[in-house]
PDB file of N, CA and C in Angstrom:
ATOM      1  N   MET A   1     -20.578  10.597 -26.787  1.00  0.00           N
ATOM      2  CA  MET A   1     -21.338   9.749 -25.906  1.00  0.00           C
ATOM      3  C   MET A   1     -20.493   8.562 -25.430  1.00  0.00           C
ATOM      4  N   LYS A   2     -19.792   7.921 -26.377  1.00  0.00           N
ATOM      5  CA  LYS A   2     -18.967   6.776 -25.999  1.00  0.00           C
ATOM      6  C   LYS A   2     -17.798   7.197 -25.124  1.00  0.00           C
ATOM      7  N   ILE A   3     -17.252   8.370 -25.397  1.00  0.00           N
ATOM      8  CA  ILE A   3     -16.122   8.848 -24.599  1.00  0.00           C
ATOM      9  C   ILE A   3     -16.559   9.088 -23.163  1.00  0.00           C
ATOM     10  N   ALA A   4     -17.730   9.678 -22.980  1.00  0.00           N
ATOM     11  CA  ALA A   4     -18.231   9.930 -21.630  1.00  0.00           C
ATOM     12  C   ALA A   4     -18.486   8.622 -20.897  1.00  0.00           C
ATOM     13  N   LEU A   5     -19.008   7.630 -21.590  1.00  0.00           N
ATOM     14  CA  LEU A   5     -19.252   6.333 -20.971  1.00  0.00           C
ATOM     15  C   LEU A   5     -17.943   5.663 -20.576  1.00  0.00           C
ATOM     16  N   ILE A   6     -16.956   5.714 -21.441  1.00  0.00           N
ATOM     17  CA  ILE A   6     -15.650   5.124 -21.137  1.00  0.00           C
ATOM     18  C   ILE A   6     -14.985   5.860 -19.975  1.00  0.00           C
ATOM     19  N   ALA A   7     -15.083   7.181 -19.962  1.00  0.00           N
ATOM     20  CA  ALA A   7     -14.497   7.961 -18.866  1.00  0.00           C
ATOM     21  C   ALA A   7     -15.186   7.641 -17.546  1.00  0.00           C
ATOM     22  N   ALA A   8     -16.510   7.524 -17.561  1.00  0.00           N
ATOM     23  CA  ALA A   8     -17.241   7.192 -16.337  1.00  0.00           C
ATOM     24  C   ALA A   8     -16.874   5.794 -15.851  1.00  0.00           C
ATOM     25  N   LEU A   9     -16.727   4.867 -16.770  1.00  0.00           N
ATOM     26  CA  LEU A   9     -16.339   3.511 -16.394  1.00  0.00           C
ATOM     27  C   LEU A   9     -14.931   3.486 -15.803  1.00  0.00           C
ATOM     28  N   ALA A  10     -14.008   4.194 -16.429  1.00  0.00           N
ATOM     29  CA  ALA A  10     -12.636   4.247 -15.916  1.00  0.00           C
ATOM     30  C   ALA A  10     -12.582   4.889 -14.538  1.00  0.00           C
ATOM     31  N   LEU A  11     -13.348   5.958 -14.343  1.00  0.00           N
ATOM     32  CA  LEU A  11     -13.383   6.627 -13.041  1.00  0.00           C
ATOM     33  C   LEU A  11     -13.963   5.717 -11.974  1.00  0.00           C
ATOM     34  N   SER A  12     -15.020   4.988 -12.303  1.00  0.00           N
ATOM     35  CA  SER A  12     -15.627   4.096 -11.313  1.00  0.00           C
ATOM     36  C   SER A  12     -14.692   2.941 -10.962  1.00  0.00           C
ATOM     37  N   LEU A  13     -13.957   2.428 -11.938  1.00  0.00           N
ATOM     38  CA  LEU A  13     -13.002   1.359 -11.646  1.00  0.00           C
ATOM     39  C   LEU A  13     -11.844   1.861 -10.793  1.00  0.00           C
ATOM     40  N   THR A  14     -11.419   3.086 -11.034  1.00  0.00           N
ATOM     41  CA  THR A  14     -10.344   3.673 -10.240  1.00  0.00           C
ATOM     42  C   THR A  14     -10.810   3.901  -8.804  1.00  0.00           C
ATOM     43  N   ALA A  15     -12.004   4.430  -8.653  1.00  0.00           N
ATOM     44  CA  ALA A  15     -12.520   4.704  -7.313  1.00  0.00           C
ATOM     45  C   ALA A  15     -12.827   3.421  -6.551  1.00  0.00           C
ATOM     46  N   ALA A  16     -13.132   2.349  -7.255  1.00  0.00           N
ATOM     47  CA  ALA A  16     -13.430   1.083  -6.589  1.00  0.00           C
ATOM     48  C   ALA A  16     -12.200   0.512  -5.907  1.00  0.00           C
ATOM     49  N   GLY A  17     -11.018   0.870  -6.357  1.00  0.00           N
ATOM     50  CA  GLY A  17      -9.798   0.373  -5.757  1.00  0.00           C
ATOM     51  C   GLY A  17      -9.357   1.138  -4.525  1.00  0.00           C
ATOM     52  N   CYS A  18     -10.000   2.249  -4.232  1.00  0.00           N
ATOM     53  CA  CYS A  18      -9.634   3.073  -3.086  1.00  0.00           C
ATOM     54  C   CYS A  18     -10.223   2.496  -1.804  1.00  0.00           C
ATOM     55  N   VAL A  19      -9.462   2.593  -0.740  1.00  0.00           N
ATOM     56  CA  VAL A  19      -9.898   2.119   0.565  1.00  0.00           C
ATOM     57  C   VAL A  19      -9.705   3.265   1.552  1.00  0.00           C
ATOM     58  N   THR A  20     -10.726   3.545   2.348  1.00  0.00           N
ATOM     59  CA  THR A  20     -10.601   4.601   3.348  1.00  0.00           C
ATOM     60  C   THR A  20      -9.742   4.117   4.510  1.00  0.00           C
ATOM     61  N   ALA A  21      -9.350   5.038   5.348  1.00  0.00           N
ATOM     62  CA  ALA A  21      -8.519   4.688   6.504  1.00  0.00           C
ATOM     63  C   ALA A  21      -9.270   3.748   7.454  1.00  0.00           C
ATOM     64  N   GLN A  22     -10.552   3.990   7.636  1.00  0.00           N
ATOM     65  CA  GLN A  22     -11.351   3.138   8.519  1.00  0.00           C
ATOM     66  C   GLN A  22     -11.477   1.727   7.946  1.00  0.00           C
ATOM     67  N   GLU A  23     -11.668   1.628   6.631  1.00  0.00           N
ATOM     68  CA  GLU A  23     -11.759   0.312   6.011  1.00  0.00           C
ATOM     69  C   GLU A  23     -10.429  -0.427   6.101  1.00  0.00           C
ATOM     70  N   GLN A  24      -9.325   0.294   5.918  1.00  0.00           N
ATOM     71  CA  GLN A  24      -8.009  -0.332   6.024  1.00  0.00           C
ATOM     72  C   GLN A  24      -7.751  -0.815   7.439  1.00  0.00           C
ATOM     73  N   ARG A  25      -8.156  -0.035   8.433  1.00  0.00           N
ATOM     74  CA  ARG A  25      -7.998  -0.436   9.840  1.00  0.00           C
ATOM     75  C   ARG A  25      -8.813  -1.687  10.129  1.00  0.00           C
ATOM     76  N   ALA A  26     -10.031  -1.747   9.591  1.00  0.00           N
ATOM     77  CA  ALA A  26     -10.874  -2.925   9.802  1.00  0.00           C
ATOM     78  C   ALA A  26     -10.259  -4.163   9.138  1.00  0.00           C
ATOM     79  N   LEU A  27      -9.701  -3.995   7.954  1.00  0.00           N
ATOM     80  CA  LEU A  27      -9.041  -5.116   7.278  1.00  0.00           C
ATOM     81  C   LEU A  27      -7.815  -5.585   8.053  1.00  0.00           C
ATOM     82  N   ASP A  28      -7.051  -4.633   8.586  1.00  0.00           N
ATOM     83  CA  ASP A  28      -5.876  -4.985   9.385  1.00  0.00           C
ATOM     84  C   ASP A  28      -6.295  -5.711  10.665  1.00  0.00           C
ATOM     85  N   ALA A  29      -7.372  -5.244  11.301  1.00  0.00           N
ATOM     86  CA  ALA A  29      -7.858  -5.887  12.520  1.00  0.00           C
ATOM     87  C   ALA A  29      -8.326  -7.311  12.223  1.00  0.00           C
ATOM     88  N   GLU A  30      -8.998  -7.504  11.104  1.00  0.00           N
ATOM     89  CA  GLU A  30      -9.427  -8.856  10.716  1.00  0.00           C
ATOM     90  C   GLU A  30      -8.219  -9.764  10.499  1.00  0.00           C
ATOM     91  N   LYS A  31      -7.172  -9.205   9.897  1.00  0.00           N
ATOM     92  CA  LYS A  31      -5.971 -10.001   9.653  1.00  0.00           C
ATOM     93  C   LYS A  31      -5.335 -10.415  10.974  1.00  0.00           C
ATOM     94  N   CYS A  32      -5.227  -9.495  11.918  1.00  0.00           N
ATOM     95  CA  CYS A  32      -4.630  -9.825  13.215  1.00  0.00           C
ATOM     96  C   CYS A  32      -5.497 -10.819  13.984  1.00  0.00           C
ATOM     97  N   GLN A  33      -6.806 -10.662  13.889  1.00  0.00           N
ATOM     98  CA  GLN A  33      -7.686 -11.635  14.540  1.00  0.00           C
ATOM     99  C   GLN A  33      -7.556 -13.000  13.875  1.00  0.00           C
ATOM    100  N   GLY A  34      -7.328 -13.001  12.577  1.00  0.00           N
ATOM    101  CA  GLY A  34      -7.103 -14.256  11.872  1.00  0.00           C
ATOM    102  C   GLY A  34      -5.818 -14.947  12.315  1.00  0.00           C
ATOM    103  N   TYR A  35      -4.847 -14.145  12.760  1.00  0.00           N
ATOM    104  CA  TYR A  35      -3.601 -14.710  13.289  1.00  0.00           C
ATOM    105  C   TYR A  35      -3.778 -15.253  14.703  1.00  0.00           C
ATOM    106  N   GLY A  36      -4.925 -14.962  15.313  1.00  0.00           N
ATOM    107  CA  GLY A  36      -5.207 -15.481  16.651  1.00  0.00           C
ATOM    108  C   GLY A  36      -5.077 -14.460  17.771  1.00  0.00           C
ATOM    109  N   PHE A  37      -4.818 -13.204  17.453  1.00  0.00           N
ATOM    110  CA  PHE A  37      -4.710 -12.183  18.489  1.00  0.00           C
ATOM    111  C   PHE A  37      -6.099 -11.700  18.877  1.00  0.00           C
ATOM    112  N   ARG A  38      -6.272 -11.418  20.167  1.00  0.00           N
ATOM    113  CA  ARG A  38      -7.550 -10.897  20.645  1.00  0.00           C
ATOM    114  C   ARG A  38      -7.488  -9.385  20.708  1.00  0.00           C
ATOM    115  N   ALA A  39      -8.612  -8.760  20.376  1.00  0.00           N
ATOM    116  CA  ALA A  39      -8.697  -7.295  20.372  1.00  0.00           C
ATOM    117  C   ALA A  39      -8.429  -6.741  21.763  1.00  0.00           C
ATOM    118  N   ARG A  40      -7.889  -5.548  21.783  1.00  0.00           N
ATOM    119  CA  ARG A  40      -7.583  -4.802  23.007  1.00  0.00           C
ATOM    120  C   ARG A  40      -6.541  -5.493  23.883  1.00  0.00           C
ATOM    121  N   THR A  41      -5.584  -6.130  23.244  1.00  0.00           N
ATOM    122  CA  THR A  41      -4.440  -6.675  23.969  1.00  0.00           C
ATOM    123  C   THR A  41      -3.176  -6.059  23.394  1.00  0.00           C
ATOM    124  N   ASP A  42      -2.091  -6.166  24.138  1.00  0.00           N
ATOM    125  CA  ASP A  42      -0.822  -5.614  23.665  1.00  0.00           C
ATOM    126  C   ASP A  42      -0.344  -6.329  22.396  1.00  0.00           C
ATOM    127  N   ALA A  43      -0.546  -7.635  22.339  1.00  0.00           N
ATOM    128  CA  ALA A  43      -0.116  -8.396  21.161  1.00  0.00           C
ATOM    129  C   ALA A  43      -0.911  -7.961  19.925  1.00  0.00           C
ATOM    130  N   PHE A  44      -2.195  -7.672  20.105  1.00  0.00           N
ATOM    131  CA  PHE A  44      -3.026  -7.204  18.998  1.00  0.00           C
ATOM    132  C   PHE A  44      -2.531  -5.848  18.511  1.00  0.00           C
ATOM    133  N   ALA A  45      -2.198  -4.963  19.440  1.00  0.00           N
ATOM    134  CA  ALA A  45      -1.676  -3.643  19.069  1.00  0.00           C
ATOM    135  C   ALA A  45      -0.340  -3.771  18.347  1.00  0.00           C
ATOM    136  N   GLN A  46       0.511  -4.683  18.802  1.00  0.00           N
ATOM    137  CA  GLN A  46       1.787  -4.894  18.131  1.00  0.00           C
ATOM    138  C   GLN A  46       1.588  -5.464  16.728  1.00  0.00           C
ATOM    139  N   CYS A  47       0.596  -6.316  16.557  1.00  0.00           N
ATOM    140  CA  CYS A  47       0.294  -6.852  15.228  1.00  0.00           C
ATOM    141  C   CYS A  47      -0.139  -5.728  14.297  1.00  0.00           C
ATOM    142  N   LEU A  48      -1.035  -4.863  14.755  1.00  0.00           N
ATOM    143  CA  LEU A  48      -1.479  -3.734  13.945  1.00  0.00           C
ATOM    144  C   LEU A  48      -0.307  -2.815  13.604  1.00  0.00           C
ATOM    145  N   GLN A  49       0.569  -2.595  14.584  1.00  0.00           N
ATOM    146  CA  GLN A  49       1.723  -1.738  14.347  1.00  0.00           C
ATOM    147  C   GLN A  49       2.666  -2.364  13.324  1.00  0.00           C
ATOM    148  N   ALA A  50       2.878  -3.656  13.411  1.00  0.00           N
ATOM    149  CA  ALA A  50       3.753  -4.335  12.459  1.00  0.00           C
ATOM    150  C   ALA A  50       3.192  -4.251  11.041  1.00  0.00           C
ATOM    151  N   ILE A  51       1.894  -4.406  10.902  1.00  0.00           N
ATOM    152  CA  ILE A  51       1.268  -4.288   9.579  1.00  0.00           C
ATOM    153  C   ILE A  51       1.440  -2.879   9.040  1.00  0.00           C
ATOM    154  N   ASP A  52       1.245  -1.881   9.901  1.00  0.00           N
ATOM    155  CA  ASP A  52       1.378  -0.489   9.476  1.00  0.00           C
ATOM    156  C   ASP A  52       2.822  -0.161   9.092  1.00  0.00           C
ATOM    157  N   LEU A  53       3.774  -0.618   9.880  1.00  0.00           N
ATOM    158  CA  LEU A  53       5.179  -0.367   9.568  1.00  0.00           C
ATOM    159  C   LEU A  53       5.595  -1.061   8.276  1.00  0.00           C
ATOM    160  N   ASN A  54       5.077  -2.266   8.053  1.00  0.00           N
ATOM    161  CA  ASN A  54       5.383  -2.983   6.815  1.00  0.00           C
ATOM    162  C   ASN A  54       4.807  -2.236   5.615  1.00  0.00           C
ATOM    163  N   ARG A  55       3.605  -1.704   5.746  1.00  0.00           N
ATOM    164  CA  ARG A  55       2.993  -0.949   4.653  1.00  0.00           C
ATOM    165  C   ARG A  55       3.809   0.313   4.362  1.00  0.00           C
ATOM    166  N   ALA A  56       4.265   0.987   5.412  1.00  0.00           N
ATOM    167  CA  ALA A  56       5.073   2.194   5.228  1.00  0.00           C
ATOM    168  C   ALA A  56       6.413   1.864   4.561  1.00  0.00           C
ATOM    169  N   ALA A  57       7.025   0.746   4.953  1.00  0.00           N
ATOM    170  CA  ALA A  57       8.292   0.342   4.347  1.00  0.00           C
ATOM    171  C   ALA A  57       8.099   0.001   2.870  1.00  0.00           C
ATOM    172  N   ASN A  58       6.997  -0.646   2.545  1.00  0.00           N
ATOM    173  CA  ASN A  58       6.725  -0.967   1.145  1.00  0.00           C
ATOM    174  C   ASN A  58       6.516   0.298   0.325  1.00  0.00           C
ATOM    175  N   LEU A  59       5.844   1.285   0.887  1.00  0.00           N
ATOM    176  CA  LEU A  59       5.648   2.551   0.180  1.00  0.00           C
ATOM    177  C   LEU A  59       6.977   3.272  -0.040  1.00  0.00           C
ATOM    178  N   ARG A  60       7.857   3.253   0.980  1.00  0.00           N
ATOM    179  CA  ARG A  60       9.163   3.883   0.821  1.00  0.00           C
ATOM    180  C   ARG A  60       9.990   3.173  -0.237  1.00  0.00           C
ATOM    181  N   ALA A  61       9.957   1.852  -0.224  1.00  0.00           N
ATOM    182  CA  ALA A  61      10.717   1.095  -1.214  1.00  0.00           C
ATOM    183  C   ALA A  61      10.203   1.384  -2.614  1.00  0.00           C
ATOM    184  N   TRP A  62       8.902   1.507  -2.765  1.00  0.00           N
ATOM    185  CA  TRP A  62       8.325   1.814  -4.069  1.00  0.00           C
ATOM    186  C   TRP A  62       8.707   3.214  -4.513  1.00  0.00           C
ATOM    187  N   ALA A  63       8.738   4.150  -3.565  1.00  0.00           N
ATOM    188  CA  ALA A  63       9.054   5.539  -3.908  1.00  0.00           C
ATOM    189  C   ALA A  63      10.516   5.708  -4.302  1.00  0.00           C
ATOM    190  N   TYR A  64      11.412   4.919  -3.736  1.00  0.00           N
ATOM    191  CA  TYR A  64      12.837   5.085  -3.993  1.00  0.00           C
ATOM    192  C   TYR A  64      13.387   4.147  -5.060  1.00  0.00           C
ATOM    193  N   ARG A  65      12.537   3.369  -5.688  1.00  0.00           N
ATOM    194  CA  ARG A  65      13.045   2.464  -6.713  1.00  0.00           C
ATOM    195  C   ARG A  65      13.488   3.264  -7.934  1.00  0.00           C
ATOM    196  N   ASP A  66      14.348   2.673  -8.678  1.00  0.00           N
ATOM    197  CA  ASP A  66      14.875   3.329  -9.867  1.00  0.00           C
ATOM    198  C   ASP A  66      14.586   2.448 -11.066  1.00  0.00           C
ATOM    199  N   PHE A  67      14.231   3.061 -12.148  1.00  0.00           N
ATOM    200  CA  PHE A  67      13.913   2.308 -13.349  1.00  0.00           C
ATOM    201  C   PHE A  67      15.103   2.187 -14.289  1.00  0.00           C
ATOM    202  N   GLY A  68      16.260   2.534 -13.811  1.00  0.00           N
ATOM    203  CA  GLY A  68      17.447   2.494 -14.652  1.00  0.00           C
ATOM    204  C   GLY A  68      17.869   1.079 -14.993  1.00  0.00           C
ATOM    205  N   PRO A  69      18.693   0.935 -16.000  1.00  0.00           N
ATOM    206  CA  PRO A  69      19.103  -0.405 -16.437  1.00  0.00           C
ATOM    207  C   PRO A  69      20.162  -1.044 -15.545  1.00  0.00           C
ATOM    208  N   TYR A  70      20.721  -0.310 -14.588  1.00  0.00           N
ATOM    209  CA  TYR A  70      21.820  -0.831 -13.783  1.00  0.00           C
ATOM    210  C   TYR A  70      21.440  -1.029 -12.325  1.00  0.00           C
ATOM    211  N   GLY A  71      20.210  -1.410 -12.050  1.00  0.00           N
ATOM    212  CA  GLY A  71      19.814  -1.797 -10.702  1.00  0.00           C
ATOM    213  C   GLY A  71      19.795  -0.675  -9.692  1.00  0.00           C
ATOM    214  N   GLY A  72      19.366   0.488 -10.044  1.00  0.00           N
ATOM    215  CA  GLY A  72      19.211   1.557  -9.079  1.00  0.00           C
ATOM    216  C   GLY A  72      20.306   2.591  -9.097  1.00  0.00           C
ATOM    217  N   TYR A  73      21.340   2.399  -9.893  1.00  0.00           N
ATOM    218  CA  TYR A  73      22.414   3.379  -9.961  1.00  0.00           C
ATOM    219  C   TYR A  73      22.597   3.831 -11.405  1.00  0.00           C
ATOM    220  N   GLY A  74      23.090   5.014 -11.534  1.00  0.00           N
ATOM    221  CA  GLY A  74      23.289   5.564 -12.867  1.00  0.00           C
ATOM    222  C   GLY A  74      24.432   4.886 -13.589  1.00  0.00           C
ATOM    223  N   TYR A  75      24.803   5.439 -14.703  1.00  0.00           N
ATOM    224  CA  TYR A  75      25.842   4.836 -15.519  1.00  0.00           C
ATOM    225  C   TYR A  75      27.199   4.811 -14.830  1.00  0.00           C
ATOM    226  N   TYR A  76      27.466   5.758 -13.933  1.00  0.00           N
ATOM    227  CA  TYR A  76      28.777   5.856 -13.298  1.00  0.00           C
ATOM    228  C   TYR A  76      28.744   5.533 -11.818  1.00  0.00           C
ATOM    229  N   GLY A  77      27.729   4.812 -11.358  1.00  0.00           N
ATOM    230  CA  GLY A  77      27.691   4.380  -9.973  1.00  0.00           C
ATOM    231  C   GLY A  77      27.024   5.344  -9.026  1.00  0.00           C
ATOM    232  N   TYR A  78      26.376   6.371  -9.495  1.00  0.00           N
ATOM    233  CA  TYR A  78      25.642   7.271  -8.613  1.00  0.00           C
ATOM    234  C   TYR A  78      24.212   7.379  -9.147  1.00  0.00           C
ATOM    235  N   ARG A  79      23.335   7.771  -8.244  1.00  0.00           N
ATOM    236  CA  ARG A  79      21.922   7.885  -8.629  1.00  0.00           C
ATOM    237  C   ARG A  79      21.755   9.108  -9.519  1.00  0.00           C
ATOM    238  N   GLY A  80      21.110   8.916 -10.618  1.00  0.00           N
ATOM    239  CA  GLY A  80      20.841  10.018 -11.517  1.00  0.00           C
ATOM    240  C   GLY A  80      19.514  10.674 -11.223  1.00  0.00           C
ATOM    241  N   TRP A  81      19.529  11.759 -10.487  1.00  0.00           N
ATOM    242  CA  TRP A  81      18.280  12.422 -10.146  1.00  0.00           C
ATOM    243  C   TRP A  81      17.925  13.269 -11.300  1.00  0.00           C
TER     244      TRP A  81
END
């Protein structure tokens, strides 16, 4: 009984952190409007694009990071795949 309750709680906390694409777009639009851009303008579209590109760059950087002790390179100066 306790295990099921803990599992349900963990699942609900995990799902609470998820954001749909529409919700993310709305959050990005709010951020650009907060910067002073008006909707349906070229500057607003560029703001949304910059946010999206920054998010993609952060995901790539996270995916390519290395947990090795020598700052991303193996013991002999090459990446140890």
